[in-house]
Amino acid sequence: MSSVASPGSATSRSNSNANHTAGVDPAALMRIKSLKLRAKTVVEGFFSGLHRSPTHGSSIEFNEYRAYVPGDDLRNLDWKLYARSDRYFIKKFEDETNRRCYLVVDQSRSMGYGSIEYSKMEYARTVAATLAYFLTLQHDAVGVLTFDIELRDFIPAKLGAKQFHQILVELSRPAAGMGTDIEAPLRQVTSLVPRRGLVILMSDLLASPGMLKTQLSALKARGHEVVLLRTIDPAEIELGISDPAMVLDVETGRQIYVDPATAKANYTKRFNDHRRQIESICESTGVGYYELMTDKPLDLALASLINARNRLGKTGHRTISEGGRR
């Protein structure tokens, strides 16, 4: 599991050697029917792991406070927090604390694939619920957009437990099982989310790199912090075919004859070329890119959110962290 990527290098693959926390076993997690309970389990397990680590300086912000600076009204000092930390903190006003975050979830037919007990879509929905739960706890406004060949549903960003419940209801709806067209939905996101905020796209990214660059650049031009969480099934890394076979194209529904030797070589090259192009685009546009393997714990998704949320906060207002000033 990768650690949180730094702001200057927000590209991470979940199969690196660095561990963030031990994490919750995803197979056991997916057996929990309640999406809300899954989200709560991941968040609580993540922070429990942080608190157990004596060397980890967490970058999680105290959402309600900022560091005191000369000129602040002393009546807003939190003396109880000063007694615990020996540092001066000011209680933030509501317009200082709230950020807006939109979770954009791919529900296309290809996301329904899974070589293990659950699909990429089920994993991505659990990630989305987990991030929504964390944002709700942090008093941030969170909204959701779902798409396949078009934008399916849009829940504007709002605060509170009722909003979180509405998001869970939306994420639990059966998917239409259509093909994929990321371009049109991302273009709509740009128009539907006029205020600067955090946009997190959860998808297997079966899309043209050139198109992705155009739409991601448009989102960045609007001032949004953007993160891509690419959902990958372990069987997609290496084509697991040893004998000639007829395989089903999940996007088109067509049967295709496959020669294993040729198919493996071609597939591996195309997959790696596509991956490198996406990584290069994200680096050049300043977009965070993380690969989430569906057989790995969801910690990386939560860590990527915290990293991006802190970057967004640093450009908007002063923030503090449990490990000191960033």
Protein backbone atom coordinates (compact mmCIF):
# COMPACT_ATOMS: atom_id res chain seq x y z
CA MET A 1 0.00 0.00 0.00
CA SER A 2 1.42 3.33 -1.02
CA SER A 3 1.90 6.18 1.36
CA VAL A 4 0.34 9.56 0.67
CA ALA A 5 2.03 11.18 -2.30
CA SER A 6 3.54 14.58 -1.72
CA PRO A 7 1.89 17.64 -3.28
CA GLY A 8 4.69 17.87 -5.80
CA SER A 9 4.41 14.21 -6.80
CA ALA A 10 0.83 13.07 -6.37
CA THR A 11 1.22 9.85 -8.31
CA SER A 12 1.04 6.54 -6.50
CA ARG A 13 0.52 2.88 -7.21
CA SER A 14 -1.06 0.73 -4.54
CA ASN A 15 1.42 -2.10 -5.01
CA SER A 16 4.46 -0.19 -3.78
CA ASN A 17 6.46 -1.37 -0.79
CA ALA A 18 5.47 1.51 1.49
CA ASN A 19 2.65 0.86 3.94
CA HIS A 20 0.37 3.54 5.29
CA THR A 21 -1.56 1.42 7.78
CA ALA A 22 -2.28 -2.28 7.99
CA GLY A 23 -5.78 -1.64 6.67
CA VAL A 24 -9.02 -3.61 6.73
CA ASP A 25 -9.08 -6.80 4.65
CA PRO A 26 -11.18 -5.82 1.60
CA ALA A 27 -12.67 -9.31 1.13
CA ALA A 28 -14.00 -9.27 4.70
CA LEU A 29 -15.12 -5.67 4.29
CA MET A 30 -17.16 -6.39 1.17
CA ARG A 31 -19.08 -9.11 3.01
CA ILE A 32 -20.62 -6.36 5.14
CA LYS A 33 -23.92 -5.58 3.43
CA SER A 34 -24.30 -2.07 4.86
CA LEU A 35 -22.40 0.51 2.82
CA LYS A 36 -22.48 2.86 5.80
CA LEU A 37 -20.91 0.26 8.08
CA ARG A 38 -18.20 -0.44 5.50
CA ALA A 39 -17.33 3.26 5.37
CA LYS A 40 -17.28 3.58 9.14
CA THR A 41 -15.09 0.47 9.47
CA VAL A 42 -12.48 1.80 7.02
CA VAL A 43 -12.31 5.29 8.54
CA GLU A 44 -12.08 4.05 12.12
CA GLY A 45 -9.50 1.41 11.18
CA PHE A 46 -7.43 3.98 9.31
CA PHE A 47 -7.22 6.41 12.21
CA SER A 48 -6.70 3.63 14.72
CA GLY A 49 -3.65 2.62 12.69
CA LEU A 50 -2.34 6.19 12.68
CA HIS A 51 -2.71 6.54 16.42
CA ARG A 52 -0.88 3.25 17.02
CA SER A 53 2.13 4.45 15.02
CA PRO A 54 4.65 6.33 17.24
CA THR A 55 6.55 7.70 14.23
CA HIS A 56 3.74 8.88 11.99
CA GLY A 57 3.13 12.65 11.90
CA SER A 58 -0.41 12.78 10.57
CA SER A 59 -1.36 15.45 8.05
CA ILE A 60 -5.01 15.37 9.11
CA GLU A 61 -6.25 18.85 9.90
CA PHE A 62 -8.21 20.01 12.91
CA ASN A 63 -11.11 21.21 10.82
CA GLU A 64 -12.44 23.72 13.35
CA TYR A 65 -9.20 25.58 14.18
CA ARG A 66 -6.36 27.55 12.65
CA ALA A 67 -3.13 28.90 14.08
CA TYR A 68 -3.27 32.29 15.82
CA VAL A 69 -1.69 35.20 13.94
CA PRO A 70 -1.13 38.76 15.27
CA GLY A 71 -4.27 40.83 14.82
CA ASP A 72 -6.73 37.99 15.52
CA ASP A 73 -9.44 38.71 18.08
CA LEU A 74 -8.17 37.21 21.36
CA ARG A 75 -11.75 36.45 22.36
CA ASN A 76 -11.69 33.65 19.76
CA LEU A 77 -8.67 31.89 21.29
CA ASP A 78 -9.35 28.36 22.50
CA TRP A 79 -7.68 28.29 25.91
CA LYS A 80 -8.48 24.62 26.53
CA LEU A 81 -6.64 23.65 23.36
CA TYR A 82 -3.76 25.91 24.41
CA ALA A 83 -3.56 24.08 27.74
CA ARG A 84 -3.24 20.74 25.91
CA SER A 85 -0.85 21.84 23.17
CA ASP A 86 0.95 24.92 24.51
CA ARG A 87 0.09 26.64 21.23
CA TYR A 88 -2.46 29.30 20.33
CA PHE A 89 -5.38 28.33 18.09
CA ILE A 90 -8.33 30.35 16.83
CA LYS A 91 -11.79 28.88 16.35
CA LYS A 92 -12.64 29.17 12.67
CA PHE A 93 -15.82 30.77 11.44
CA GLU A 94 -18.10 28.57 9.35
CA ASP A 95 -17.12 30.12 6.02
CA GLU A 96 -13.49 29.25 6.79
CA THR A 97 -14.07 25.59 7.59
CA ASN A 98 -16.25 24.27 4.80
CA ARG A 99 -14.82 22.88 1.61
CA ARG A 100 -16.79 21.42 -1.24
CA CYS A 101 -15.93 17.98 -2.56
CA TYR A 102 -17.51 16.11 -5.44
CA LEU A 103 -17.14 12.34 -5.82
CA VAL A 104 -17.48 11.34 -9.48
CA VAL A 105 -18.16 7.60 -9.74
CA ASP A 106 -17.91 5.51 -12.92
CA GLN A 107 -20.76 2.96 -13.08
CA SER A 108 -20.17 1.73 -16.62
CA ARG A 109 -20.33 -1.90 -17.71
CA SER A 110 -16.55 -2.42 -17.45
CA MET A 111 -16.68 -1.43 -13.77
CA GLY A 112 -18.89 -4.47 -13.19
CA TYR A 113 -15.92 -6.77 -13.84
CA GLY A 114 -14.37 -8.67 -10.95
CA SER A 115 -12.05 -11.67 -10.85
CA ILE A 116 -12.48 -11.91 -7.07
CA GLU A 117 -15.55 -11.93 -4.81
CA TYR A 118 -16.65 -8.43 -5.80
CA SER A 119 -16.45 -6.07 -8.75
CA LYS A 120 -14.52 -2.88 -9.41
CA MET A 121 -17.81 -1.01 -9.12
CA GLU A 122 -18.55 -2.41 -5.66
CA TYR A 123 -15.05 -1.46 -4.56
CA ALA A 124 -15.34 2.06 -6.03
CA ARG A 125 -18.73 2.58 -4.39
CA THR A 126 -17.26 1.55 -1.05
CA VAL A 127 -14.40 4.00 -1.60
CA ALA A 128 -16.90 6.76 -2.40
CA ALA A 129 -18.96 5.99 0.71
CA THR A 130 -15.80 5.98 2.83
CA LEU A 131 -14.67 9.36 1.52
CA ALA A 132 -18.17 10.80 1.95
CA TYR A 133 -18.25 9.60 5.56
CA PHE A 134 -14.86 11.16 6.33
CA LEU A 135 -15.85 14.47 4.70
CA THR A 136 -19.10 14.52 6.65
CA LEU A 137 -17.19 14.04 9.90
CA GLN A 138 -14.94 16.95 8.89
CA HIS A 139 -17.96 19.24 8.26
CA ASP A 140 -17.16 19.52 4.56
CA ALA A 141 -19.86 19.75 1.91
CA VAL A 142 -19.88 16.62 -0.25
CA GLY A 143 -21.77 15.77 -3.42
CA VAL A 144 -21.85 12.83 -5.85
CA LEU A 145 -22.08 12.39 -9.60
CA THR A 146 -22.52 8.95 -11.19
CA PHE A 147 -22.06 8.22 -14.89
CA ASP A 148 -21.63 5.62 -17.64
CA ILE A 149 -22.15 6.85 -21.21
CA GLU A 150 -23.79 9.94 -19.72
CA LEU A 151 -24.26 11.64 -16.38
CA ARG A 152 -26.79 9.53 -14.48
CA ASP A 153 -27.32 11.28 -11.17
CA PHE A 154 -26.14 14.48 -9.55
CA ILE A 155 -26.38 15.33 -5.85
CA PRO A 156 -25.15 18.90 -5.17
CA ALA A 157 -22.64 19.27 -2.35
CA LYS A 158 -24.18 19.88 1.06
CA LEU A 159 -23.30 19.39 4.70
CA GLY A 160 -24.66 16.97 7.26
CA ALA A 161 -25.80 13.46 8.10
CA LYS A 162 -28.92 13.67 5.91
CA GLN A 163 -26.73 14.45 2.92
CA PHE A 164 -24.52 11.46 3.71
CA HIS A 165 -27.60 9.23 3.88
CA GLN A 166 -28.77 10.51 0.48
CA ILE A 167 -25.35 9.74 -0.98
CA LEU A 168 -25.50 6.18 0.40
CA VAL A 169 -28.93 5.71 -1.20
CA GLU A 170 -27.57 6.90 -4.54
CA LEU A 171 -24.49 4.67 -4.36
CA SER A 172 -26.69 1.66 -3.58
CA ARG A 173 -28.85 1.98 -6.70
CA PRO A 174 -28.42 -0.73 -9.37
CA ALA A 175 -26.25 0.46 -12.25
CA ALA A 176 -27.69 0.62 -15.77
CA GLY A 177 -24.76 -1.42 -17.12
CA MET A 178 -24.06 0.79 -20.12
CA GLY A 179 -20.75 1.47 -21.87
CA THR A 180 -18.28 4.19 -20.96
CA ASP A 181 -17.98 7.82 -22.04
CA ILE A 182 -15.98 9.84 -19.53
CA GLU A 183 -15.73 12.92 -21.75
CA ALA A 184 -19.35 14.09 -21.60
CA PRO A 185 -19.76 13.55 -17.82
CA LEU A 186 -16.49 15.38 -17.04
CA ARG A 187 -17.58 18.26 -19.25
CA GLN A 188 -20.83 18.42 -17.28
CA VAL A 189 -18.92 18.36 -13.99
CA THR A 190 -17.08 21.48 -15.12
CA SER A 191 -20.39 23.30 -15.66
CA LEU A 192 -22.24 21.83 -12.65
CA VAL A 193 -19.51 22.64 -10.11
CA PRO A 194 -18.81 26.36 -10.59
CA ARG A 195 -17.26 26.98 -7.18
CA ARG A 196 -13.67 26.01 -6.54
CA GLY A 197 -13.43 22.68 -4.72
CA LEU A 198 -12.10 19.13 -4.72
CA VAL A 199 -13.14 16.74 -7.51
CA ILE A 200 -12.33 13.04 -7.07
CA LEU A 201 -12.88 10.73 -10.05
CA MET A 202 -13.23 7.00 -9.36
CA SER A 203 -12.98 4.98 -12.58
CA ASP A 204 -11.06 2.25 -14.39
CA LEU A 205 -10.16 5.01 -16.88
CA LEU A 206 -10.90 3.05 -20.05
CA ALA A 207 -10.69 6.27 -22.01
CA SER A 208 -8.56 8.14 -24.48
CA PRO A 209 -5.62 9.84 -22.72
CA GLY A 210 -5.96 12.86 -25.00
CA MET A 211 -9.59 13.36 -24.04
CA LEU A 212 -8.73 12.95 -20.36
CA LYS A 213 -6.08 15.64 -20.64
CA THR A 214 -8.54 18.09 -22.18
CA GLN A 215 -11.21 17.57 -19.52
CA LEU A 216 -8.80 17.46 -16.58
CA SER A 217 -7.16 20.67 -17.79
CA ALA A 218 -10.60 22.30 -17.93
CA LEU A 219 -11.31 21.31 -14.33
CA LYS A 220 -7.92 22.60 -13.17
CA ALA A 221 -8.49 25.86 -15.06
CA ARG A 222 -11.59 26.38 -12.91
CA GLY A 223 -9.37 26.21 -9.82
CA HIS A 224 -10.43 22.73 -8.70
CA GLU A 225 -8.11 20.33 -6.90
CA VAL A 226 -8.49 17.10 -8.90
CA VAL A 227 -7.67 13.51 -7.93
CA LEU A 228 -7.98 10.37 -10.05
CA LEU A 229 -8.50 7.10 -8.19
CA ARG A 230 -8.05 4.43 -10.83
CA THR A 231 -9.78 1.20 -9.84
CA ILE A 232 -7.98 -1.91 -11.12
CA ASP A 233 -8.84 -5.58 -10.70
CA PRO A 234 -5.69 -7.71 -10.08
CA ALA A 235 -6.46 -9.81 -13.17
CA GLU A 236 -6.20 -6.68 -15.32
CA ILE A 237 -2.52 -6.22 -14.54
CA GLU A 238 -1.55 -9.47 -16.25
CA LEU A 239 -3.78 -11.28 -18.71
CA GLY A 240 -4.49 -14.69 -17.17
CA ILE A 241 -4.96 -16.78 -20.31
CA SER A 242 -2.86 -19.89 -20.97
CA ASP A 243 -4.92 -21.60 -23.70
CA PRO A 244 -6.70 -20.35 -26.84
CA ALA A 245 -10.13 -19.12 -25.83
CA MET A 246 -13.20 -17.10 -26.72
CA VAL A 247 -13.53 -14.14 -24.36
CA LEU A 248 -16.32 -11.62 -23.80
CA ASP A 249 -15.74 -7.91 -24.35
CA VAL A 250 -17.67 -6.49 -21.38
CA GLU A 251 -18.12 -3.08 -23.05
CA THR A 252 -19.48 -4.31 -26.42
CA GLY A 253 -20.82 -7.75 -25.47
CA ARG A 254 -18.95 -9.37 -28.41
CA GLN A 255 -17.13 -12.71 -28.28
CA ILE A 256 -13.47 -12.46 -29.36
CA TYR A 257 -11.02 -15.29 -30.18
CA VAL A 258 -7.76 -14.92 -28.24
CA ASP A 259 -4.38 -16.55 -28.89
CA PRO A 260 -2.70 -16.50 -25.44
CA ALA A 261 0.91 -15.72 -26.40
CA THR A 262 0.05 -12.90 -28.78
CA ALA A 263 -2.71 -11.56 -26.56
CA LYS A 264 -0.51 -11.40 -23.45
CA ALA A 265 2.27 -9.51 -25.20
CA ASN A 266 -0.11 -7.05 -26.87
CA TYR A 267 -2.21 -6.55 -23.76
CA THR A 268 0.76 -5.92 -21.45
CA LYS A 269 2.24 -3.37 -23.85
CA ARG A 270 -1.04 -1.52 -24.36
CA PHE A 271 -1.87 -1.52 -20.66
CA ASN A 272 1.54 -0.15 -19.67
CA ASP A 273 1.56 2.42 -22.50
CA HIS A 274 -1.89 3.64 -21.45
CA ARG A 275 -0.81 3.76 -17.80
CA ARG A 276 2.30 5.81 -18.61
CA GLN A 277 0.27 8.26 -20.69
CA ILE A 278 -2.21 8.82 -17.87
CA GLU A 279 0.57 9.27 -15.31
CA SER A 280 2.29 11.78 -17.60
CA ILE A 281 -0.94 13.72 -18.14
CA CYS A 282 -1.65 13.88 -14.42
CA GLU A 283 1.88 15.07 -13.70
CA SER A 284 1.71 17.79 -16.37
CA THR A 285 -1.73 19.03 -15.31
CA GLY A 286 -1.15 18.87 -11.55
CA VAL A 287 -3.74 16.15 -11.00
CA GLY A 288 -3.28 13.57 -8.23
CA TYR A 289 -3.19 10.02 -9.58
CA TYR A 290 -3.55 6.88 -7.44
CA GLU A 291 -4.08 3.27 -8.47
CA LEU A 292 -6.41 1.28 -6.24
CA MET A 293 -6.10 -2.49 -6.58
CA THR A 294 -9.39 -4.07 -5.59
CA ASP A 295 -7.67 -6.78 -3.54
CA LYS A 296 -5.92 -4.18 -1.35
CA PRO A 297 -7.25 -2.24 1.68
CA LEU A 298 -8.95 1.09 1.02
CA ASP A 299 -6.42 3.10 3.06
CA LEU A 300 -4.75 4.62 0.00
CA ALA A 301 -8.04 6.15 -1.16
CA LEU A 302 -8.56 7.82 2.21
CA ALA A 303 -4.93 8.95 2.38
CA SER A 304 -5.19 10.49 -1.09
CA LEU A 305 -8.28 12.45 -0.03
CA ILE A 306 -6.55 13.82 3.06
CA ASN A 307 -3.54 14.82 0.99
CA ALA A 308 -5.64 16.62 -1.63
CA ARG A 309 -7.92 18.20 0.99
CA ASN A 310 -4.94 19.67 2.79
CA ARG A 311 -3.51 21.07 -0.46
CA LEU A 312 -6.86 22.71 -1.19
CA GLY A 313 -6.99 24.12 2.33
CA LYS A 314 -3.47 25.53 2.20
CA THR A 315 -4.33 27.77 -0.74
CA GLY A 316 -7.61 28.91 0.79
CA HIS A 317 -6.87 29.53 4.48
CA ARG A 318 -4.33 28.64 7.13
CA THR A 319 -4.50 25.07 8.39
CA ILE A 320 -2.78 23.09 11.13
CA SER A 321 -1.98 19.41 11.44
CA GLU A 322 -1.57 16.90 14.23
CA GLY A 323 2.11 16.73 13.36
CA GLY A 324 2.61 20.52 13.48
CA ARG A 325 2.46 23.21 10.81
CA ARG A 326 2.73 21.93 7.22
